């Protein structure tokens, strides 16, 4: 037998597919899994790809042809130019970016501080404070939106972007996510730092916070998506068209140009593109959140 040649028995052996527990996965089960994944992919990504295709089709193409044509015959960016000519879409996008960026900063900072306090600090009433955050998740936004509007009006923040940001500056779910991430960290590491003379801020900034970057990325993505996609609250608190966010501005396309599917599709793609870009930048930290809490080094 020449060097580098596999034994006959090894060459004829089929490669076994196993799951995370080492159990052999039958061929029919593997095929069923892939079929389900393809079905979920078609349901989630399919509508966006269809909107993207519609936004690139020219005025002479029939978007309701049978059978439908997925790829545009003559791709064009003219529909995106028409969106910019119809509404000040870039001004609206800048307003949404300001609101979403501020929401990300306030949620990451506030949720990290509150989550660490609930998970690591010892004080009376910690359990009651955790229960308050849990109960806050059960309250529907529609039930408190009038009280929020009244509060913003009394503070003089009505018709301002600060008034849009303030009610969602720290989300209860984000606080609980950070609390669970900090609780999963081994206490021995912080105890060793405490023995070495590190105070609570040093333990938080140098030990705890770098270990939960995955969960922090999840909070950032959720905060950005919630602020970017929010429609009801900006519609209520804003009355000056120059301060409208992108969701309110695109609603004008749906209302006035509902019959122009290409224009509406182009506006939809403009609204979704920043979310895709954000997830592409943070996906590495997003999926690392599953394994957080392990001792490194």
Foldseek 3Di string as FASTA:
>chain_A
DDPPDDDPVVVPDDDFDADPVRHTDDPVRVVVVVVVVVVVCCVPCVVLLQLVQLLQEDPVDDCPDVVGDSHHPHGDNVLLVVLVVVAVLVLQAVLLVVLLVQLLVLALVVLLVLLCCLQPNDDPCSVVVLVVLVVVVVDDCVVCLVVLLVVCVVVVNFQHSCSLNPVNSHHSVLNVLNNVLQNLADVVVVVVVVVVPDDPVCCSPPPRVVLQLQSSLVSSLVSSVCSLQDDVNQVVRHDDSSNHHLNVSLVVCCVPVVVSSNNNSSSVCVSCVVSVVSCVVCVVSNVCNVPGNDDDD
